[in-house]
N, C-alpha and C. Protein backbone atom coordinates (compact mmCIF):
# COMPACT_ATOMS: atom_id res chain seq x y z
N MET A 1 8.23 -14.29 -29.68
CA MET A 1 9.14 -12.92 -28.99
C MET A 1 8.17 -11.60 -27.88
N PRO A 2 9.14 -10.81 -26.82
CA PRO A 2 8.08 -10.14 -26.14
C PRO A 2 7.41 -9.41 -27.33
N HIS A 3 7.00 -8.78 -26.35
CA HIS A 3 5.69 -7.54 -27.48
C HIS A 3 5.07 -6.50 -27.05
N LYS A 4 4.87 -5.35 -27.56
CA LYS A 4 3.97 -4.23 -26.73
C LYS A 4 2.80 -4.03 -27.88
N ILE A 5 1.52 -3.53 -27.44
CA ILE A 5 0.74 -2.83 -28.34
C ILE A 5 1.12 -1.13 -28.62
N VAL A 6 0.93 -1.09 -29.70
CA VAL A 6 1.36 0.30 -30.06
C VAL A 6 -0.36 0.71 -31.18
N ASN A 7 -1.10 1.79 -31.04
CA ASN A 7 -2.03 2.02 -31.50
C ASN A 7 -2.46 0.76 -31.86
N GLY A 8 -2.81 -0.60 -31.43
CA GLY A 8 -3.88 -1.13 -31.45
C GLY A 8 -3.00 -2.71 -31.64
N GLN A 9 -1.86 -2.01 -32.21
CA GLN A 9 -1.25 -3.36 -33.70
C GLN A 9 0.20 -3.67 -32.41
N GLN A 10 0.39 -5.08 -32.30
CA GLN A 10 1.38 -5.66 -31.84
C GLN A 10 2.64 -5.18 -32.12
N VAL A 11 3.61 -4.96 -31.56
CA VAL A 11 4.83 -4.74 -32.32
C VAL A 11 5.40 -5.16 -30.99
N GLU A 12 6.95 -6.29 -32.08
CA GLU A 12 7.83 -6.59 -31.47
C GLU A 12 8.68 -5.38 -30.58
N LEU A 13 9.59 -6.25 -29.43
CA LEU A 13 10.18 -5.06 -28.54
C LEU A 13 11.74 -5.16 -29.31
N THR A 14 12.17 -4.12 -29.01
CA THR A 14 13.60 -3.79 -29.23
C THR A 14 14.35 -4.30 -28.50
N ALA A 15 15.76 -5.06 -28.92
CA ALA A 15 16.57 -5.84 -28.31
C ALA A 15 16.89 -4.55 -26.99
N GLU A 16 17.24 -3.44 -27.57
CA GLU A 16 17.07 -2.03 -26.02
C GLU A 16 16.06 -2.00 -24.89
N GLU A 17 14.26 -2.64 -25.31
CA GLU A 17 14.18 -2.78 -24.73
C GLU A 17 13.63 -3.49 -23.41
N ILE A 18 13.97 -5.01 -24.43
CA ILE A 18 14.32 -5.98 -23.47
C ILE A 18 14.64 -5.84 -22.54
N ALA A 19 16.69 -5.08 -23.10
CA ALA A 19 17.73 -5.30 -22.17
C ALA A 19 16.96 -4.37 -20.65
N GLN A 20 16.06 -3.32 -21.10
CA GLN A 20 16.08 -2.30 -19.61
C GLN A 20 14.79 -3.73 -19.15
N ILE A 21 13.86 -4.73 -20.03
CA ILE A 21 13.36 -4.71 -18.46
C ILE A 21 13.58 -5.98 -18.62
N GLN A 22 14.38 -6.74 -18.54
CA GLN A 22 15.48 -7.81 -17.23
C GLN A 22 16.22 -6.48 -16.80
N ALA A 23 16.76 -5.75 -16.75
CA ALA A 23 17.79 -5.08 -15.65
C ALA A 23 16.54 -4.51 -15.22
N ASN A 24 15.59 -4.26 -15.44
CA ASN A 24 14.59 -3.67 -14.09
C ASN A 24 13.80 -5.41 -13.11
N GLU A 25 13.18 -6.29 -13.62
CA GLU A 25 13.75 -7.15 -13.20
C GLU A 25 14.58 -7.66 -12.30
N THR A 26 15.98 -7.40 -12.61
CA THR A 26 17.07 -8.01 -11.83
C THR A 26 16.88 -6.87 -10.53
N ALA A 27 17.36 -5.43 -10.67
CA ALA A 27 16.83 -4.75 -9.46
C ALA A 27 16.12 -5.58 -8.89
N TRP A 28 14.56 -5.61 -9.46
CA TRP A 28 13.59 -5.86 -8.61
C TRP A 28 14.03 -6.92 -7.51
N ASN A 29 14.51 -7.99 -7.98
CA ASN A 29 14.60 -9.21 -7.83
C ASN A 29 16.30 -9.21 -6.87
N ALA A 30 16.72 -7.93 -6.65
CA ALA A 30 18.10 -7.73 -5.77
C ALA A 30 17.79 -7.11 -4.54
N GLY A 31 16.26 -6.48 -4.52
CA GLY A 31 15.66 -5.61 -3.36
C GLY A 31 14.50 -6.84 -2.80
N ALA A 32 15.14 -8.31 -2.79
CA ALA A 32 13.60 -9.04 -1.90
C ALA A 32 14.10 -8.70 -0.63
N PHE A 33 14.85 -8.77 -0.13
CA PHE A 33 15.64 -8.99 0.66
C PHE A 33 15.26 -8.14 1.28
N ASP A 34 15.62 -6.93 1.15
CA ASP A 34 15.28 -5.60 1.32
C ASP A 34 13.26 -5.14 1.65
N ARG A 35 13.20 -5.68 0.81
CA ARG A 35 11.18 -5.77 1.41
C ARG A 35 10.91 -6.77 2.13
N SER A 36 11.28 -7.91 1.97
CA SER A 36 11.33 -8.29 3.15
C SER A 36 11.92 -8.30 4.39
N MET A 37 12.49 -7.55 4.80
CA MET A 37 13.13 -7.37 6.12
C MET A 37 12.46 -6.07 7.00
N ALA A 38 12.28 -5.07 5.48
CA ALA A 38 11.21 -3.67 6.10
C ALA A 38 9.73 -4.53 6.30
N ASP A 39 9.43 -5.26 5.95
CA ASP A 39 8.13 -6.26 6.48
C ASP A 39 7.81 -6.35 7.51
N LEU A 40 8.97 -7.39 7.98
CA LEU A 40 9.43 -8.44 8.94
C LEU A 40 9.39 -6.88 10.03
N ARG A 41 10.29 -6.17 10.01
CA ARG A 41 10.50 -4.67 11.26
C ARG A 41 9.22 -4.17 10.96
N SER A 42 7.90 -3.96 10.25
CA SER A 42 7.48 -3.33 10.67
C SER A 42 5.98 -3.91 11.37
N LYS A 43 6.20 -5.17 11.04
CA LYS A 43 5.43 -6.29 12.07
C LYS A 43 6.04 -6.18 13.27
N ARG A 44 6.57 -6.59 13.44
CA ARG A 44 7.90 -6.17 14.77
C ARG A 44 7.05 -4.91 15.77
N ASP A 45 7.69 -4.03 14.40
CA ASP A 45 7.71 -2.75 15.52
C ASP A 45 6.08 -2.35 15.85
N ARG A 46 5.25 -3.02 15.08
CA ARG A 46 3.70 -2.75 15.62
C ARG A 46 3.52 -3.85 16.63
N LEU A 47 3.70 -4.88 17.03
CA LEU A 47 4.01 -5.76 18.49
C LEU A 47 4.61 -5.03 19.47
N LEU A 48 5.81 -3.84 19.23
CA LEU A 48 5.80 -3.63 20.86
C LEU A 48 5.68 -2.24 20.70
N ALA A 49 5.16 -1.64 19.82
CA ALA A 49 4.36 -0.80 19.96
C ALA A 49 3.16 -1.16 21.07
N ALA A 50 2.97 -2.21 20.88
CA ALA A 50 1.42 -2.70 22.00
C ALA A 50 1.93 -3.25 22.72
N THR A 51 2.99 -3.32 23.31
CA THR A 51 3.25 -2.98 24.74
C THR A 51 4.10 -2.27 25.10
N ASP A 52 4.62 -1.30 24.67
CA ASP A 52 5.40 -0.29 25.03
C ASP A 52 4.31 0.13 25.94
N TYR A 53 3.78 0.50 26.43
CA TYR A 53 2.53 1.08 27.63
C TYR A 53 3.28 0.05 28.81
N LEU A 54 3.29 -1.28 29.07
CA LEU A 54 4.25 -1.97 30.03
C LEU A 54 5.40 -1.41 30.36
N ALA A 55 6.75 -1.49 29.21
CA ALA A 55 7.63 -0.77 29.58
C ALA A 55 7.76 0.65 30.76
N LEU A 56 6.83 1.19 30.93
CA LEU A 56 6.84 3.01 31.30
C LEU A 56 7.86 2.41 32.36
N SER A 57 8.36 4.01 33.76
CA SER A 57 8.25 4.14 34.02
C SER A 57 8.02 3.33 35.18
N ASP A 58 6.66 3.76 35.74
CA ASP A 58 5.74 3.67 36.43
C ASP A 58 5.32 2.01 36.61
N GLN A 59 5.31 1.34 35.30
CA GLN A 59 4.99 -0.02 35.52
C GLN A 59 5.81 -1.12 35.88
N THR A 60 5.61 -2.49 36.22
CA THR A 60 6.56 -3.49 36.77
C THR A 60 6.30 -4.13 35.08
N LEU A 61 7.34 -4.99 34.81
CA LEU A 61 7.18 -5.51 33.44
C LEU A 61 7.89 -6.91 33.76
N SER A 62 6.82 -7.60 33.35
CA SER A 62 7.15 -9.31 33.83
C SER A 62 8.05 -9.79 33.87
N ALA A 63 9.08 -10.93 33.97
CA ALA A 63 9.96 -11.67 33.39
C ALA A 63 9.11 -12.02 31.92
N GLU A 64 8.43 -12.47 31.78
CA GLU A 64 8.17 -13.33 30.37
C GLU A 64 7.63 -12.05 29.75
N MET A 65 7.42 -10.71 29.78
CA MET A 65 7.10 -9.85 29.04
C MET A 65 8.09 -9.15 28.40
N SER A 66 8.85 -9.25 29.40
CA SER A 66 10.50 -8.89 28.96
C SER A 66 11.37 -9.14 28.04
N ALA A 67 10.67 -10.77 28.30
CA ALA A 67 11.50 -11.76 27.53
C ALA A 67 10.91 -11.99 25.58
N TYR A 68 10.18 -11.05 25.91
CA TYR A 68 9.15 -11.80 24.39
C TYR A 68 9.13 -10.67 24.10
N ARG A 69 9.74 -9.24 24.77
CA ARG A 69 10.24 -7.84 24.04
C ARG A 69 10.98 -8.02 23.71
N GLN A 70 12.00 -9.02 24.45
CA GLN A 70 13.87 -9.06 23.52
C GLN A 70 13.03 -10.31 22.46
N ALA A 71 12.89 -10.78 22.86
CA ALA A 71 12.52 -12.06 21.69
C ALA A 71 12.14 -10.89 19.81
N LEU A 72 10.92 -10.22 20.30
CA LEU A 72 11.14 -9.18 19.13
C LEU A 72 11.85 -8.39 18.63
N ARG A 73 12.71 -7.65 19.54
CA ARG A 73 13.88 -7.12 19.15
C ARG A 73 14.82 -7.41 18.54
N ASP A 74 15.08 -9.21 19.34
CA ASP A 74 16.20 -10.05 18.05
C ASP A 74 15.22 -10.40 17.34
N ILE A 75 14.90 -10.43 16.62
CA ILE A 75 14.29 -11.33 15.20
C ILE A 75 14.58 -11.26 14.36
N THR A 76 15.06 -10.59 14.03
CA THR A 76 15.63 -9.62 12.70
C THR A 76 17.48 -10.36 13.06
N ASN A 77 17.74 -11.09 13.85
CA ASN A 77 19.36 -11.07 14.05
C ASN A 77 19.44 -11.94 13.12
N GLY A 78 20.12 -12.15 12.28
CA GLY A 78 21.40 -13.68 11.20
C GLY A 78 20.74 -13.98 9.77
N LEU A 79 19.58 -12.86 10.17
CA LEU A 79 18.86 -12.81 8.82
C LEU A 79 19.37 -12.73 7.56
N THR A 80 19.47 -13.86 6.59
CA THR A 80 20.36 -13.39 5.18
C THR A 80 19.53 -13.68 4.14
N THR A 81 18.75 -14.24 3.83
CA THR A 81 17.74 -14.93 2.63
C THR A 81 16.54 -14.26 3.32
N VAL A 82 15.74 -13.85 2.02
CA VAL A 82 14.63 -13.59 1.73
C VAL A 82 13.75 -15.42 2.73
N ALA A 83 13.56 -16.14 2.09
CA ALA A 83 13.50 -17.90 2.88
C ALA A 83 13.31 -17.57 4.02
N GLN A 84 14.40 -17.41 5.00
CA GLN A 84 14.57 -16.74 6.06
C GLN A 84 13.59 -16.03 6.90
N VAL A 85 13.48 -15.84 6.19
CA VAL A 85 12.66 -13.58 6.82
C VAL A 85 11.31 -14.32 6.69
N ASP A 86 10.69 -15.34 5.61
CA ASP A 86 9.39 -15.56 6.05
C ASP A 86 9.07 -16.56 6.64
N ALA A 87 10.30 -17.86 7.21
CA ALA A 87 10.31 -18.73 7.65
C ALA A 87 9.88 -18.19 9.09
N VAL A 88 10.30 -17.23 9.55
CA VAL A 88 10.39 -16.35 11.17
C VAL A 88 8.69 -16.27 11.35
N VAL A 89 9.36 -16.65 12.82
CA VAL A 89 8.08 -17.25 13.70
C VAL A 89 8.07 -16.04 15.03
N PHE A 90 6.58 -15.92 14.73
CA PHE A 90 6.78 -14.58 16.31
C PHE A 90 6.63 -14.83 17.50
N PRO A 91 7.20 -14.60 18.92
CA PRO A 91 7.12 -16.07 19.82
C PRO A 91 5.47 -15.26 20.33
N THR A 92 5.11 -15.61 20.97
CA THR A 92 3.89 -15.15 22.03
C THR A 92 3.68 -14.56 22.86
N LYS A 93 2.71 -13.72 22.60
CA LYS A 93 2.71 -12.48 23.30
C LYS A 93 2.22 -12.84 24.82
N PRO A 94 2.73 -13.20 26.04
CA PRO A 94 2.40 -13.34 27.67
C PRO A 94 1.29 -12.77 27.57
N GLU A 95 0.44 -13.90 28.73
CA GLU A 95 -0.81 -12.48 29.04
C GLU A 95 -0.33 -12.19 30.19
């Protein structure tokens, strides 16, 4: 039986406390996809930001760099599960 420590003594959790813990775990698990996507977008945004200077109006963007940046922007398309997000492989930045 789950328990907690109160004043140095082991005390069993009440049914309400167990229900609350289970509700918290369910809510945490339900947000797993959103957390994974936020992490993926953050990584993608850093990679895009690292090449933003190449896309300025006074620069000529190579076809390879343009394709790389488009692949980064498209990287989240069609992802519906945490497993898919975890399996994403980022494109290789051209030289």
